[in-house]
PDB file of N, CA and C in Angstrom:
ATOM      1  N   UNK A   1       0.793  -1.168  -0.152  1.00  0.00           N
ATOM      2  CA  UNK A   1      -0.102   0.040   0.064  1.00  0.00           C
ATOM      3  C   UNK A   1       0.937   1.263   0.004  1.00  0.00           C
ATOM      4  N   UNK A   2       0.306   2.166  -0.643  1.00  0.00           N
ATOM      5  CA  UNK A   2       1.131   3.497  -0.627  1.00  0.00           C
ATOM      6  C   UNK A   2       0.338   4.672  -0.514  1.00  0.00           C
ATOM      7  N   UNK A   3       0.814   5.678   0.228  1.00  0.00           N
ATOM      8  CA  UNK A   3       0.129   6.780   0.732  1.00  0.00           C
ATOM      9  C   UNK A   3       0.490   7.784  -0.267  1.00  0.00           C
ATOM     10  N   UNK A   4      -0.458   8.464  -0.942  1.00  0.00           N
ATOM     11  CA  UNK A   4      -0.222   9.279  -1.944  1.00  0.00           C
ATOM     12  C   UNK A   4      -1.401  10.610  -2.062  1.00  0.00           C
ATOM     13  N   UNK A   5      -1.086  11.391  -2.650  1.00  0.00           N
ATOM     14  CA  UNK A   5      -2.203  12.380  -2.812  1.00  0.00           C
ATOM     15  C   UNK A   5      -2.852  12.360  -4.325  1.00  0.00           C
ATOM     16  N   UNK A   6      -4.135  12.316  -4.337  1.00  0.00           N
ATOM     17  CA  UNK A   6      -5.023  12.425  -5.666  1.00  0.00           C
ATOM     18  C   UNK A   6      -5.683  13.824  -5.620  1.00  0.00           C
ATOM     19  N   UNK A   7      -5.506  14.712  -6.415  1.00  0.00           N
ATOM     20  CA  UNK A   7      -6.343  15.898  -6.336  1.00  0.00           C
ATOM     21  C   UNK A   7      -6.254  16.445  -5.093  1.00  0.00           C
ATOM     22  N   UNK A   8      -4.837  16.641  -4.399  1.00  0.00           N
ATOM     23  CA  UNK A   8      -4.925  16.894  -3.081  1.00  0.00           C
ATOM     24  C   UNK A   8      -5.366  16.433  -1.885  1.00  0.00           C
ATOM     25  N   UNK A   9      -6.054  15.149  -2.265  1.00  0.00           N
ATOM     26  CA  UNK A   9      -6.882  14.393  -0.909  1.00  0.00           C
ATOM     27  C   UNK A   9      -5.891  13.171  -0.807  1.00  0.00           C
ATOM     28  N   UNK A  10      -5.433  12.990   0.428  1.00  0.00           N
ATOM     29  CA  UNK A  10      -4.722  11.417   0.699  1.00  0.00           C
ATOM     30  C   UNK A  10      -5.303  10.276   0.380  1.00  0.00           C
ATOM     31  N   UNK A  11      -4.799   9.353  -0.216  1.00  0.00           N
ATOM     32  CA  UNK A  11      -5.415   8.190  -0.504  1.00  0.00           C
ATOM     33  C   UNK A  11      -4.265   6.991  -0.160  1.00  0.00           C
ATOM     34  N   UNK A  12      -4.723   5.961   0.133  1.00  0.00           N
ATOM     35  CA  UNK A  12      -4.078   4.845   0.341  1.00  0.00           C
ATOM     36  C   UNK A  12      -4.247   3.768  -0.694  1.00  0.00           C
ATOM     37  N   UNK A  13      -3.073   3.770  -1.601  1.00  0.00           N
ATOM     38  CA  UNK A  13      -3.578   2.703  -2.932  1.00  0.00           C
ATOM     39  C   UNK A  13      -2.813   1.392  -2.988  1.00  0.00           C
ATOM     40  N   UNK A  14      -3.500   0.593  -3.703  1.00  0.00           N
ATOM     41  CA  UNK A  14      -2.602  -0.858  -3.850  1.00  0.00           C
ATOM     42  C   UNK A  14      -1.695  -0.527  -5.066  1.00  0.00           C
ATOM     43  N   UNK A  15      -2.082   0.039  -6.007  1.00  0.00           N
ATOM     44  CA  UNK A  15      -1.651   0.226  -7.462  1.00  0.00           C
ATOM     45  C   UNK A  15      -0.192   0.665  -7.441  1.00  0.00           C
ATOM     46  N   UNK A  16       0.489  -0.092  -8.593  1.00  0.00           N
ATOM     47  CA  UNK A  16       1.880   0.456  -8.676  1.00  0.00           C
ATOM     48  C   UNK A  16       2.221   1.135  -9.601  1.00  0.00           C
ATOM     49  N   UNK A  17       1.020   1.653 -10.672  1.00  0.00           N
ATOM     50  CA  UNK A  17       1.368   2.451 -11.843  1.00  0.00           C
ATOM     51  C   UNK A  17      -0.057   3.332 -11.964  1.00  0.00           C
ATOM     52  N   UNK A  18       0.102   4.384 -12.452  1.00  0.00           N
ATOM     53  CA  UNK A  18      -0.744   5.317 -13.000  1.00  0.00           C
ATOM     54  C   UNK A  18      -2.167   4.628 -13.566  1.00  0.00           C
ATOM     55  N   UNK A  19      -1.679   3.602 -14.568  1.00  0.00           N
ATOM     56  CA  UNK A  19      -3.091   3.162 -15.312  1.00  0.00           C
ATOM     57  C   UNK A  19      -3.943   2.174 -14.137  1.00  0.00           C
ATOM     58  N   UNK A  20      -3.252   1.641 -13.425  1.00  0.00           N
ATOM     59  CA  UNK A  20      -3.906   0.719 -12.479  1.00  0.00           C
ATOM     60  C   UNK A  20      -4.479   1.420 -11.549  1.00  0.00           C
ATOM     61  N   UNK A  21      -3.772   2.612 -10.927  1.00  0.00           N
ATOM     62  CA  UNK A  21      -4.654   3.710 -10.025  1.00  0.00           C
ATOM     63  C   UNK A  21      -5.893   4.246 -10.644  1.00  0.00           C
ATOM     64  N   UNK A  22      -5.962   4.458 -11.775  1.00  0.00           N
ATOM     65  CA  UNK A  22      -7.126   4.913 -12.623  1.00  0.00           C
ATOM     66  C   UNK A  22      -8.189   3.852 -12.408  1.00  0.00           C
ATOM     67  N   UNK A  23      -8.100   2.644 -12.677  1.00  0.00           N
ATOM     68  CA  UNK A  23      -8.920   1.761 -12.386  1.00  0.00           C
ATOM     69  C   UNK A  23      -9.356   1.583 -11.033  1.00  0.00           C
ATOM     70  N   UNK A  24      -8.510   1.333 -10.173  1.00  0.00           N
ATOM     71  CA  UNK A  24      -8.723   1.387  -8.765  1.00  0.00           C
ATOM     72  C   UNK A  24      -9.688   2.515  -8.200  1.00  0.00           C
ATOM     73  N   UNK A  25      -9.704   3.697  -8.681  1.00  0.00           N
ATOM     74  CA  UNK A  25     -10.301   4.717  -8.323  1.00  0.00           C
ATOM     75  C   UNK A  25     -11.692   4.933  -9.229  1.00  0.00           C
ATOM     76  N   UNK A  26     -11.942   3.963 -10.025  1.00  0.00           N
ATOM     77  CA  UNK A  26     -13.031   4.104 -10.975  1.00  0.00           C
ATOM     78  C   UNK A  26     -13.217   4.805 -12.083  1.00  0.00           C
ATOM     79  N   UNK A  27     -11.921   5.239 -12.635  1.00  0.00           N
ATOM     80  CA  UNK A  27     -11.716   6.092 -13.945  1.00  0.00           C
ATOM     81  C   UNK A  27     -11.510   5.426 -15.046  1.00  0.00           C
ATOM     82  N   UNK A  28     -11.725   4.078 -15.170  1.00  0.00           N
ATOM     83  CA  UNK A  28     -11.232   2.897 -16.160  1.00  0.00           C
ATOM     84  C   UNK A  28     -11.844   3.692 -17.523  1.00  0.00           C
ATOM     85  N   UNK A  29     -12.981   4.142 -17.418  1.00  0.00           N
ATOM     86  CA  UNK A  29     -13.481   4.362 -18.847  1.00  0.00           C
ATOM     87  C   UNK A  29     -13.652   5.881 -19.111  1.00  0.00           C
ATOM     88  N   UNK A  30     -13.040   6.794 -18.181  1.00  0.00           N
ATOM     89  CA  UNK A  30     -13.301   8.147 -18.293  1.00  0.00           C
ATOM     90  C   UNK A  30     -12.137   8.730 -19.085  1.00  0.00           C
ATOM     91  N   UNK A  31     -12.350   9.827 -19.554  1.00  0.00           N
ATOM     92  CA  UNK A  31     -11.537  10.585 -20.568  1.00  0.00           C
ATOM     93  C   UNK A  31     -10.999  11.908 -19.372  1.00  0.00           C
ATOM     94  N   UNK A  32      -9.772  11.471 -19.226  1.00  0.00           N
ATOM     95  CA  UNK A  32      -9.115  12.332 -18.351  1.00  0.00           C
ATOM     96  C   UNK A  32      -7.649  12.726 -18.746  1.00  0.00           C
ATOM     97  N   UNK A  33      -7.296  13.747 -18.066  1.00  0.00           N
ATOM     98  CA  UNK A  33      -5.744  14.188 -18.113  1.00  0.00           C
ATOM     99  C   UNK A  33      -5.084  13.814 -17.070  1.00  0.00           C
ATOM    100  N   UNK A  34      -3.726  13.533 -16.966  1.00  0.00           N
ATOM    101  CA  UNK A  34      -3.255  12.965 -15.750  1.00  0.00           C
ATOM    102  C   UNK A  34      -1.675  13.780 -15.637  1.00  0.00           C
ATOM    103  N   UNK A  35      -1.288  13.792 -14.429  1.00  0.00           N
ATOM    104  CA  UNK A  35       0.023  14.446 -14.052  1.00  0.00           C
ATOM    105  C   UNK A  35       0.338  13.779 -12.800  1.00  0.00           C
ATOM    106  N   UNK A  36       1.646  13.415 -12.548  1.00  0.00           N
ATOM    107  CA  UNK A  36       2.471  13.069 -11.197  1.00  0.00           C
ATOM    108  C   UNK A  36       3.417  13.718 -10.909  1.00  0.00           C
ATOM    109  N   UNK A  37       3.407  14.274 -10.003  1.00  0.00           N
ATOM    110  CA  UNK A  37       4.106  15.444  -9.294  1.00  0.00           C
ATOM    111  C   UNK A  37       4.474  16.517 -10.404  1.00  0.00           C
ATOM    112  N   UNK A  38       3.336  16.976 -10.878  1.00  0.00           N
ATOM    113  CA  UNK A  38       3.503  18.001 -11.823  1.00  0.00           C
ATOM    114  C   UNK A  38       3.659  17.919 -13.292  1.00  0.00           C
ATOM    115  N   UNK A  39       4.169  16.740 -13.565  1.00  0.00           N
ATOM    116  CA  UNK A  39       4.324  16.068 -14.867  1.00  0.00           C
ATOM    117  C   UNK A  39       3.467  15.508 -15.537  1.00  0.00           C
ATOM    118  N   UNK A  40       2.871  16.005 -17.057  1.00  0.00           N
ATOM    119  CA  UNK A  40       2.055  15.439 -17.473  1.00  0.00           C
ATOM    120  C   UNK A  40       2.353  14.158 -18.098  1.00  0.00           C
ATOM    121  N   UNK A  41       1.301  13.181 -17.775  1.00  0.00           N
ATOM    122  CA  UNK A  41       1.730  11.901 -18.102  1.00  0.00           C
ATOM    123  C   UNK A  41       0.467  11.404 -19.246  1.00  0.00           C
ATOM    124  N   UNK A  42       1.034  11.118 -20.526  1.00  0.00           N
ATOM    125  CA  UNK A  42       0.072  10.888 -21.654  1.00  0.00           C
ATOM    126  C   UNK A  42      -0.656   9.434 -21.287  1.00  0.00           C
ATOM    127  N   UNK A  43      -1.727   9.389 -22.059  1.00  0.00           N
ATOM    128  CA  UNK A  43      -2.676   8.006 -21.863  1.00  0.00           C
ATOM    129  C   UNK A  43      -1.832   7.009 -22.216  1.00  0.00           C
ATOM    130  N   UNK A  44      -1.030   6.903 -23.133  1.00  0.00           N
ATOM    131  CA  UNK A  44      -0.210   5.591 -23.535  1.00  0.00           C
ATOM    132  C   UNK A  44       1.232   5.398 -22.434  1.00  0.00           C
ATOM    133  N   UNK A  45       1.276   6.335 -21.784  1.00  0.00           N
ATOM    134  CA  UNK A  45       2.480   6.192 -20.884  1.00  0.00           C
ATOM    135  C   UNK A  45       2.215   5.703 -19.368  1.00  0.00           C
ATOM    136  N   UNK A  46       0.684   5.661 -19.165  1.00  0.00           N
ATOM    137  CA  UNK A  46       0.093   5.455 -17.699  1.00  0.00           C
ATOM    138  C   UNK A  46       0.846   4.272 -16.992  1.00  0.00           C
ATOM    139  N   UNK A  47       0.809   3.212 -18.047  1.00  0.00           N
ATOM    140  CA  UNK A  47       0.967   1.707 -17.414  1.00  0.00           C
ATOM    141  C   UNK A  47       2.688   1.688 -17.095  1.00  0.00           C
ATOM    142  N   UNK A  48       3.407   2.412 -17.451  1.00  0.00           N
ATOM    143  CA  UNK A  48       4.860   2.566 -17.148  1.00  0.00           C
ATOM    144  C   UNK A  48       5.118   3.712 -16.208  1.00  0.00           C
ATOM    145  N   UNK A  49       3.974   4.661 -15.856  1.00  0.00           N
ATOM    146  CA  UNK A  49       4.332   5.833 -14.947  1.00  0.00           C
ATOM    147  C   UNK A  49       4.179   5.063 -13.254  1.00  0.00           C
ATOM    148  N   UNK A  50       5.241   4.657 -13.033  1.00  0.00           N
ATOM    149  CA  UNK A  50       5.205   4.092 -11.417  1.00  0.00           C
ATOM    150  C   UNK A  50       4.925   5.105 -10.457  1.00  0.00           C
ATOM    151  N   UNK A  51       4.233   4.425  -9.493  1.00  0.00           N
ATOM    152  CA  UNK A  51       3.931   5.354  -8.373  1.00  0.00           C
ATOM    153  C   UNK A  51       4.804   4.719  -6.988  1.00  0.00           C
ATOM    154  N   UNK A  52       4.925   5.942  -6.116  1.00  0.00           N
ATOM    155  CA  UNK A  52       5.871   5.665  -5.004  1.00  0.00           C
ATOM    156  C   UNK A  52       4.897   6.381  -3.956  1.00  0.00           C
ATOM    157  N   UNK A  53       5.116   6.191  -2.668  1.00  0.00           N
ATOM    158  CA  UNK A  53       4.527   6.681  -1.550  1.00  0.00           C
ATOM    159  C   UNK A  53       4.994   8.250  -1.571  1.00  0.00           C
ATOM    160  N   UNK A  54       4.043   9.035  -1.440  1.00  0.00           N
ATOM    161  CA  UNK A  54       4.541  10.595  -1.322  1.00  0.00           C
ATOM    162  C   UNK A  54       4.088  11.108  -2.825  1.00  0.00           C
ATOM    163  N   UNK A  55       3.766  10.453  -3.605  1.00  0.00           N
ATOM    164  CA  UNK A  55       3.425  11.124  -5.157  1.00  0.00           C
ATOM    165  C   UNK A  55       2.382  11.902  -4.999  1.00  0.00           C
ATOM    166  N   UNK A  56       2.124  12.997  -5.825  1.00  0.00           N
ATOM    167  CA  UNK A  56       0.925  13.731  -5.961  1.00  0.00           C
ATOM    168  C   UNK A  56       0.489  13.620  -7.274  1.00  0.00           C
ATOM    169  N   UNK A  57      -0.616  13.269  -7.394  1.00  0.00           N
ATOM    170  CA  UNK A  57      -1.399  12.730  -8.810  1.00  0.00           C
ATOM    171  C   UNK A  57      -2.599  13.638  -8.983  1.00  0.00           C
ATOM    172  N   UNK A  58      -2.616  14.012 -10.195  1.00  0.00           N
ATOM    173  CA  UNK A  58      -3.815  14.928 -10.580  1.00  0.00           C
ATOM    174  C   UNK A  58      -4.505  14.380 -11.609  1.00  0.00           C
ATOM    175  N   UNK A  59      -5.594  14.248 -11.477  1.00  0.00           N
ATOM    176  CA  UNK A  59      -6.854  13.774 -12.508  1.00  0.00           C
ATOM    177  C   UNK A  59      -7.503  14.729 -12.825  1.00  0.00           C
ATOM    178  N   UNK A  60      -7.693  15.134 -14.081  1.00  0.00           N
ATOM    179  CA  UNK A  60      -8.633  16.259 -14.456  1.00  0.00           C
ATOM    180  C   UNK A  60      -9.373  15.796 -15.577  1.00  0.00           C
ATOM    181  N   UNK A  61     -10.799  16.118 -15.479  1.00  0.00           N
ATOM    182  CA  UNK A  61     -11.773  15.968 -16.509  1.00  0.00           C
ATOM    183  C   UNK A  61     -11.734  17.142 -17.599  1.00  0.00           C
ATOM    184  N   UNK A  62     -12.008  16.959 -18.809  1.00  0.00           N
ATOM    185  CA  UNK A  62     -12.144  18.239 -19.445  1.00  0.00           C
ATOM    186  C   UNK A  62     -13.608  18.665 -19.221  1.00  0.00           C
ATOM    187  N   UNK A  63     -13.672  20.228 -19.332  1.00  0.00           N
ATOM    188  CA  UNK A  63     -14.952  20.761 -19.054  1.00  0.00           C
ATOM    189  C   UNK A  63     -15.234  21.764 -20.024  1.00  0.00           C
ATOM    190  N   UNK A  64     -16.308  21.934 -20.474  1.00  0.00           N
ATOM    191  CA  UNK A  64     -16.946  22.725 -21.524  1.00  0.00           C
ATOM    192  C   UNK A  64     -17.456  24.188 -20.903  1.00  0.00           C
ATOM    193  N   UNK A  65     -17.156  25.016 -21.956  1.00  0.00           N
ATOM    194  CA  UNK A  65     -17.616  26.414 -21.507  1.00  0.00           C
ATOM    195  C   UNK A  65     -17.480  27.149 -22.930  1.00  0.00           C
ATOM    196  N   UNK A  66     -18.002  28.340 -22.308  1.00  0.00           N
ATOM    197  CA  UNK A  66     -18.022  29.462 -23.410  1.00  0.00           C
ATOM    198  C   UNK A  66     -17.788  30.708 -23.150  1.00  0.00           C
TER     199      UNK A  66
END
């Protein structure tokens, strides 16, 4: 288990990488942008983006506006 922050909220997760974390948190079918420790992580790189205790993950959904 790892203690990380997801959108500034403490989370205790089992996931080893960002792709697994998104599934663990229920985002498997969501269209989102992701970053780890302030660095953008493209969708195709999430499976190789390893997580460690203390990481800060941002998950952002697109918003419509005008």
